[in-house]
Each structure stands twice: as structure tokens, then as C-alpha cells.
Protein backbone atom coordinates (compact mmCIF):
# COMPACT_ATOMS: atom_id res chain seq x y z
CA MET A 1 130.57 68.33 103.81
CA LYS A 2 131.46 68.96 100.20
CA ILE A 3 129.40 70.33 97.30
CA TYR A 4 129.50 68.93 93.76
CA GLU A 5 127.86 69.65 90.43
CA ASP A 6 127.53 65.95 89.51
CA GLU A 7 125.92 63.00 91.28
CA ALA A 8 129.15 60.96 91.07
CA CYS A 9 130.82 63.74 93.10
CA THR A 10 133.77 64.11 90.76
CA LYS A 11 133.32 67.83 89.93
CA PRO A 12 133.61 70.13 92.99
CA LEU A 13 131.34 73.14 92.73
CA ASP A 14 132.78 76.66 92.99
CA PHE A 15 129.75 78.67 91.87
CA ILE A 16 126.20 78.38 90.56
CA ASP A 17 125.63 79.44 86.96
CA PHE A 18 121.96 79.89 86.06
CA GLY A 19 122.84 81.42 82.70
CA GLU A 20 120.28 83.72 81.08
CA VAL A 21 116.72 83.31 82.31
CA TYR A 22 114.01 85.74 81.29
CA ALA A 23 111.26 87.29 83.41
CA GLY A 24 108.29 84.96 83.61
CA GLU A 25 110.53 81.90 83.30
CA SER A 26 112.41 79.95 85.93
CA LYS A 27 115.47 77.77 85.97
CA GLU A 28 116.41 74.99 88.37
CA VAL A 29 119.98 73.92 89.08
CA ILE A 30 120.66 70.66 90.91
CA ILE A 31 123.76 70.30 93.07
CA TYR A 32 124.88 67.49 95.35
CA VAL A 33 125.85 67.59 99.03
CA LYS A 34 128.24 64.86 100.15
CA ASN A 35 128.52 64.12 103.85
CA ASP A 36 132.11 62.92 104.14
CA SER A 37 131.80 62.23 107.87
CA ASP A 38 131.43 58.66 109.06
CA LYS A 39 129.57 59.73 112.23
CA ALA A 40 127.78 63.08 111.88
CA ILE A 41 124.32 63.55 110.43
CA LEU A 42 123.96 66.88 108.61
CA LYS A 43 120.73 68.83 109.05
CA GLU A 44 119.30 72.37 109.27
CA PHE A 45 121.01 73.62 106.13
CA THR A 46 121.56 77.30 105.36
CA ILE A 47 122.85 79.02 102.25
CA LYS A 48 124.77 82.27 101.84
CA TYR A 49 125.15 84.02 98.48
CA ILE A 50 128.48 85.73 97.84
CA LEU A 51 127.87 88.56 95.42
CA PRO A 52 130.42 90.32 93.20
CA LYS A 53 131.87 93.46 94.81
CA GLU A 54 130.81 95.53 91.82
CA LYS A 55 127.18 94.32 92.20
CA PRO A 56 126.43 94.12 95.94
CA ASN A 57 122.66 94.49 95.34
CA LEU A 58 122.51 91.92 92.54
CA LEU A 59 119.77 89.85 94.16
CA ASP A 60 117.58 92.68 95.43
CA GLY A 61 114.05 91.89 94.28
CA GLU A 62 115.05 88.49 92.91
CA LYS A 63 113.44 85.24 94.03
CA LEU A 64 115.73 82.29 94.70
CA ASP A 65 114.28 79.12 96.21
CA VAL A 66 116.40 76.37 97.73
CA LYS A 67 115.14 72.88 98.55
CA PHE A 68 117.47 71.15 100.98
CA PRO A 69 117.13 67.56 102.13
CA GLU A 70 115.86 67.09 105.67
CA ARG A 71 119.17 65.45 106.54
CA VAL A 72 122.23 63.84 104.97
CA LEU A 73 123.38 60.68 106.66
CA PRO A 74 127.07 59.86 107.19
CA ASN A 75 128.93 58.85 104.02
CA SER A 76 125.98 59.64 101.77
CA ILE A 77 124.98 62.08 99.02
CA GLU A 78 121.75 64.08 98.62
CA LEU A 79 120.66 66.58 96.02
CA VAL A 80 119.82 70.24 96.58
CA ALA A 81 117.57 72.10 94.12
CA LEU A 82 118.06 75.82 93.55
CA SER A 83 115.42 77.66 91.51
CA TRP A 84 115.63 81.22 90.21
CA PHE A 85 112.59 83.26 89.15
CA PRO A 86 114.03 86.50 87.68
CA SER A 87 112.24 89.80 88.06
CA LEU A 88 111.40 92.11 85.15
CA ASN A 89 114.36 94.29 86.18
CA PHE A 90 117.04 91.61 85.86
CA LYS A 91 118.88 91.88 82.54
CA ASP A 92 122.02 89.75 83.03
CA ALA A 93 122.88 86.08 83.30
CA LEU A 94 123.18 85.02 86.93
CA GLN A 95 126.38 83.47 88.24
CA ILE A 96 126.96 83.55 92.00
CA GLU A 97 129.14 81.91 94.59
CA ILE A 98 127.44 80.10 97.44
CA GLU A 99 128.35 78.80 100.87
CA ILE A 100 126.27 76.01 102.36
CA GLU A 101 126.39 75.21 106.04
CA ALA A 102 124.68 72.56 108.13
CA LYS A 103 124.49 71.56 111.76
CA GLU A 104 126.09 68.29 112.74
CA SER A 105 124.17 65.82 114.85
CA TYR A 106 125.55 62.65 116.40
CA SER A 107 123.59 59.57 117.44
CA PRO A 108 124.49 58.23 120.86
CA THR A 109 126.54 55.05 120.74
CA ARG A 110 125.49 52.04 122.76
């Protein structure tokens, strides 16, 4: 599995940059998950946020929603939507690293 910022899957994604979003607003960022396996189906996705060492509590009180696809079939691409709803206390732009994991499932061969 690989993560990209564009649907053509030409720009690998290293981090999510929401930019500046003010309290009462929200911002959605779309990324793309490419299943580069020719056999495994990806499902049951999870996300981990990697925060800067100088700001280990950066997301405390912040609301981040992630909409994963139910599954990603072999050799296919699906989008993932990440939405951020900043609290009144958040004063900076938000740029974070992410790790996305999924379980692999295989269909029995006949």
C-alpha cells in the first residue's frame, strides 16, 4: 500500500498540510490509497498521527475525522478524506505526518 496526494498517484505523500483553518471552520484534505498488491484486499484501515517532538500534545482537544473506504481491491486506488475542525485554542497551521495501516485479506483460489 502506498499513499499519494494526487489521483494519478505520481506524488507520494509525506505529510498532511491543512494550512490555517480558524475555529468554527473546517477543512478537508483528500489523499489516495493505492493497493499495489495483485492478490490482497486491503480493509480495516487505521491511522496514526506522528506529532512534532516539540509539540507532543498538538492534537489534544482537536477533532480530526477520517473517512476510509470499506476496502481497496488489488491493483486499485481509493480516496481517503481527512477533515479537521479546529478548536478555539488552536492558533497555528496544522501540518502532521501520518501512518496508515490496513489488514490484508485474500480470497481463496479455486
